[in-house]
Amino acid sequence: MKYLLVLLVIVIAVGVWRKRRRVEHLKAQRPAPRRENRLQPPQDMVACAHCGLHLPRSDALVLGASPRPEYYCSAEHRAQGPA
């Protein structure tokens, strides 16, 4: 009787162990959730009128009227004017 009880405990322990391994294996096989790369739309690039550095229009400093504006990369270059 004692051996039957030990055998029953071993069978239950092996069953629990195998069930846990199966659940972990299924979790590992599940594909990771996809993260979408949310890229921002491309921006218009302009060249600095002084040094020629290309930078996004939103970062540039503007001098002049709207038909032919001059773009500058910094306030220092805007003060120095076009090259």
N, C-alpha and C. Protein backbone atom coordinates (compact mmCIF):
# COMPACT_ATOMS: atom_id res chain seq x y z
N MET A 1 0.82 -1.20 0.00
CA MET A 1 0.00 0.00 0.00
C MET A 1 0.86 1.26 0.00
N LYS A 2 1.94 1.22 0.74
CA LYS A 2 2.83 2.36 0.83
C LYS A 2 3.43 2.67 -0.55
N TYR A 3 3.81 1.66 -1.29
CA TYR A 3 4.41 1.85 -2.62
C TYR A 3 3.39 2.41 -3.62
N LEU A 4 2.14 2.00 -3.45
CA LEU A 4 1.09 2.51 -4.31
C LEU A 4 0.90 4.00 -4.10
N LEU A 5 0.95 4.45 -2.86
CA LEU A 5 0.81 5.88 -2.55
C LEU A 5 1.99 6.67 -3.11
N VAL A 6 3.21 6.16 -2.96
CA VAL A 6 4.40 6.82 -3.52
C VAL A 6 4.29 6.90 -5.04
N LEU A 7 3.86 5.82 -5.66
CA LEU A 7 3.70 5.79 -7.12
C LEU A 7 2.65 6.80 -7.57
N LEU A 8 1.56 6.91 -6.82
CA LEU A 8 0.51 7.88 -7.15
C LEU A 8 1.03 9.31 -7.06
N VAL A 9 1.79 9.63 -6.03
CA VAL A 9 2.37 10.97 -5.88
C VAL A 9 3.33 11.26 -7.02
N ILE A 10 4.15 10.29 -7.42
CA ILE A 10 5.10 10.48 -8.53
C ILE A 10 4.35 10.71 -9.84
N VAL A 11 3.28 9.94 -10.09
CA VAL A 11 2.50 10.10 -11.31
C VAL A 11 1.85 11.48 -11.36
N ILE A 12 1.32 11.94 -10.26
CA ILE A 12 0.69 13.27 -10.21
C ILE A 12 1.74 14.35 -10.44
N ALA A 13 2.90 14.21 -9.81
CA ALA A 13 3.97 15.21 -9.98
C ALA A 13 4.45 15.26 -11.43
N VAL A 14 4.61 14.11 -12.06
CA VAL A 14 5.04 14.09 -13.47
C VAL A 14 3.96 14.70 -14.35
N GLY A 15 2.70 14.43 -14.07
CA GLY A 15 1.60 15.02 -14.85
C GLY A 15 1.58 16.54 -14.76
N VAL A 16 1.75 17.06 -13.54
CA VAL A 16 1.78 18.52 -13.35
C VAL A 16 2.98 19.12 -14.07
N TRP A 17 4.13 18.47 -13.94
CA TRP A 17 5.35 18.96 -14.59
C TRP A 17 5.19 19.00 -16.11
N ARG A 18 4.63 17.94 -16.71
CA ARG A 18 4.44 17.90 -18.17
C ARG A 18 3.43 18.95 -18.63
N LYS A 19 2.37 19.16 -17.85
CA LYS A 19 1.37 20.16 -18.22
C LYS A 19 1.99 21.56 -18.23
N ARG A 20 2.81 21.87 -17.24
CA ARG A 20 3.48 23.18 -17.20
C ARG A 20 4.42 23.36 -18.38
N ARG A 21 5.16 22.32 -18.73
CA ARG A 21 6.06 22.40 -19.88
C ARG A 21 5.28 22.63 -21.17
N ARG A 22 4.14 21.97 -21.31
CA ARG A 22 3.32 22.12 -22.51
C ARG A 22 2.79 23.55 -22.62
N VAL A 23 2.33 24.12 -21.51
CA VAL A 23 1.82 25.50 -21.52
C VAL A 23 2.95 26.47 -21.87
N GLU A 24 4.12 26.29 -21.28
CA GLU A 24 5.26 27.16 -21.59
C GLU A 24 5.68 27.02 -23.05
N HIS A 25 5.62 25.82 -23.57
CA HIS A 25 5.98 25.59 -24.97
C HIS A 25 5.00 26.30 -25.90
N LEU A 26 3.71 26.24 -25.58
CA LEU A 26 2.71 26.92 -26.41
C LEU A 26 2.87 28.43 -26.34
N LYS A 27 3.22 28.96 -25.18
CA LYS A 27 3.44 30.40 -25.06
C LYS A 27 4.66 30.83 -25.87
N ALA A 28 5.69 29.99 -25.90
CA ALA A 28 6.90 30.32 -26.64
C ALA A 28 6.64 30.28 -28.14
N GLN A 29 5.74 29.42 -28.60
CA GLN A 29 5.45 29.32 -30.02
C GLN A 29 4.56 30.45 -30.51
N ARG A 30 3.82 31.06 -29.63
CA ARG A 30 2.93 32.14 -30.02
C ARG A 30 3.76 33.32 -30.54
N PRO A 31 3.42 33.85 -31.69
CA PRO A 31 4.22 34.96 -32.22
C PRO A 31 4.09 36.21 -31.35
N ALA A 32 5.17 36.93 -31.29
CA ALA A 32 5.17 38.17 -30.50
C ALA A 32 4.26 39.18 -31.17
N PRO A 33 3.59 40.02 -30.40
CA PRO A 33 2.73 41.03 -31.00
C PRO A 33 3.55 41.97 -31.88
N ARG A 34 3.02 42.25 -33.05
CA ARG A 34 3.75 43.10 -34.00
C ARG A 34 3.63 44.57 -33.60
N ARG A 35 4.77 45.20 -33.58
CA ARG A 35 4.77 46.64 -33.35
C ARG A 35 4.90 47.31 -34.71
N GLU A 36 3.96 48.14 -35.01
CA GLU A 36 4.01 48.84 -36.28
C GLU A 36 4.93 50.05 -36.15
N ASN A 37 5.79 50.18 -37.13
CA ASN A 37 6.65 51.36 -37.14
C ASN A 37 5.83 52.52 -37.67
N ARG A 38 5.56 53.43 -36.82
CA ARG A 38 4.78 54.59 -37.21
C ARG A 38 5.75 55.67 -37.65
N LEU A 39 6.11 55.61 -38.89
CA LEU A 39 7.03 56.60 -39.43
C LEU A 39 6.27 57.87 -39.76
N GLN A 40 6.92 58.96 -39.52
CA GLN A 40 6.31 60.23 -39.87
C GLN A 40 6.46 60.45 -41.37
N PRO A 41 5.54 61.19 -41.95
CA PRO A 41 5.66 61.43 -43.39
C PRO A 41 6.92 62.22 -43.69
N PRO A 42 7.47 62.06 -44.89
CA PRO A 42 8.68 62.79 -45.23
C PRO A 42 8.45 64.30 -45.22
N GLN A 43 9.49 65.03 -44.86
CA GLN A 43 9.39 66.49 -44.80
C GLN A 43 10.16 67.09 -45.97
N ASP A 44 9.75 68.28 -46.35
CA ASP A 44 10.47 69.01 -47.40
C ASP A 44 11.82 69.45 -46.83
N MET A 45 12.86 69.26 -47.62
CA MET A 45 14.20 69.65 -47.21
C MET A 45 14.58 70.92 -47.97
N VAL A 46 15.26 71.82 -47.27
CA VAL A 46 15.73 73.07 -47.88
C VAL A 46 17.22 73.22 -47.55
N ALA A 47 17.90 73.99 -48.37
CA ALA A 47 19.34 74.23 -48.17
C ALA A 47 19.54 75.59 -47.52
N CYS A 48 20.48 75.67 -46.61
CA CYS A 48 20.84 76.94 -45.98
C CYS A 48 21.46 77.83 -47.05
N ALA A 49 21.02 79.09 -47.13
CA ALA A 49 21.52 80.01 -48.15
C ALA A 49 22.97 80.40 -47.88
N HIS A 50 23.46 80.21 -46.67
CA HIS A 50 24.83 80.59 -46.35
C HIS A 50 25.80 79.43 -46.54
N CYS A 51 25.53 78.27 -45.91
CA CYS A 51 26.50 77.17 -45.93
C CYS A 51 26.07 75.99 -46.81
N GLY A 52 24.81 75.95 -47.23
CA GLY A 52 24.34 74.87 -48.08
C GLY A 52 23.88 73.63 -47.34
N LEU A 53 23.87 73.67 -46.03
CA LEU A 53 23.41 72.53 -45.24
C LEU A 53 21.93 72.27 -45.51
N HIS A 54 21.57 71.00 -45.74
CA HIS A 54 20.18 70.63 -45.97
C HIS A 54 19.54 70.28 -44.63
N LEU A 55 18.35 70.84 -44.40
CA LEU A 55 17.63 70.59 -43.16
C LEU A 55 16.13 70.63 -43.45
N PRO A 56 15.32 70.05 -42.57
CA PRO A 56 13.87 70.08 -42.79
C PRO A 56 13.35 71.51 -42.77
N ARG A 57 12.36 71.76 -43.61
CA ARG A 57 11.80 73.11 -43.71
C ARG A 57 11.26 73.57 -42.37
N SER A 58 10.74 72.66 -41.54
CA SER A 58 10.17 73.04 -40.25
C SER A 58 11.25 73.52 -39.27
N ASP A 59 12.50 73.10 -39.47
CA ASP A 59 13.59 73.51 -38.58
C ASP A 59 14.33 74.76 -39.08
N ALA A 60 14.09 75.14 -40.31
CA ALA A 60 14.84 76.24 -40.92
C ALA A 60 14.30 77.59 -40.49
N LEU A 61 15.18 78.58 -40.48
CA LEU A 61 14.79 79.97 -40.24
C LEU A 61 14.58 80.61 -41.61
N VAL A 62 13.47 81.33 -41.76
CA VAL A 62 13.09 81.89 -43.06
C VAL A 62 13.33 83.39 -43.06
N LEU A 63 13.86 83.87 -44.19
CA LEU A 63 14.05 85.30 -44.38
C LEU A 63 13.60 85.62 -45.79
N GLY A 64 12.74 86.59 -45.94
CA GLY A 64 12.30 86.98 -47.27
C GLY A 64 10.83 86.70 -47.48
N ALA A 65 10.36 87.16 -48.63
CA ALA A 65 8.94 87.02 -48.98
C ALA A 65 8.67 85.61 -49.48
N SER A 66 7.41 85.32 -49.65
CA SER A 66 7.03 83.97 -50.03
C SER A 66 7.42 83.55 -51.45
N PRO A 67 7.55 84.48 -52.48
CA PRO A 67 7.93 83.97 -53.80
C PRO A 67 9.32 83.34 -53.81
N ARG A 68 10.31 83.93 -53.16
CA ARG A 68 11.69 83.40 -53.12
C ARG A 68 12.24 83.54 -51.70
N PRO A 69 11.74 82.76 -50.75
CA PRO A 69 12.28 82.89 -49.38
C PRO A 69 13.67 82.28 -49.31
N GLU A 70 14.46 82.79 -48.40
CA GLU A 70 15.79 82.23 -48.13
C GLU A 70 15.72 81.50 -46.80
N TYR A 71 16.28 80.31 -46.78
CA TYR A 71 16.25 79.48 -45.58
C TYR A 71 17.65 79.43 -44.99
N TYR A 72 17.72 79.46 -43.66
CA TYR A 72 19.00 79.42 -42.95
C TYR A 72 18.94 78.36 -41.85
N CYS A 73 20.11 77.78 -41.55
CA CYS A 73 20.17 76.73 -40.53
C CYS A 73 20.30 77.31 -39.12
N SER A 74 20.76 78.56 -38.99
CA SER A 74 20.91 79.15 -37.66
C SER A 74 20.74 80.66 -37.74
N ALA A 75 20.56 81.27 -36.58
CA ALA A 75 20.41 82.72 -36.54
C ALA A 75 21.71 83.42 -36.95
N GLU A 76 22.84 82.80 -36.65
CA GLU A 76 24.13 83.37 -37.03
C GLU A 76 24.28 83.44 -38.55
N HIS A 77 23.91 82.38 -39.23
CA HIS A 77 24.00 82.38 -40.69
C HIS A 77 22.97 83.34 -41.29
N ARG A 78 21.81 83.47 -40.64
CA ARG A 78 20.81 84.42 -41.15
C ARG A 78 21.35 85.83 -41.02
N ALA A 79 22.08 86.14 -39.96
CA ALA A 79 22.64 87.49 -39.77
C ALA A 79 23.76 87.76 -40.78
N GLN A 80 24.50 86.72 -41.17
CA GLN A 80 25.59 86.88 -42.12
C GLN A 80 25.10 86.99 -43.56
N GLY A 81 23.92 86.50 -43.83
CA GLY A 81 23.35 86.60 -45.17
C GLY A 81 23.82 85.50 -46.09
N PRO A 82 23.36 85.53 -47.34
CA PRO A 82 23.73 84.47 -48.29
C PRO A 82 25.21 84.52 -48.62
N ALA A 83 25.76 83.36 -48.93
CA ALA A 83 27.18 83.27 -49.27
C ALA A 83 27.42 83.62 -50.72
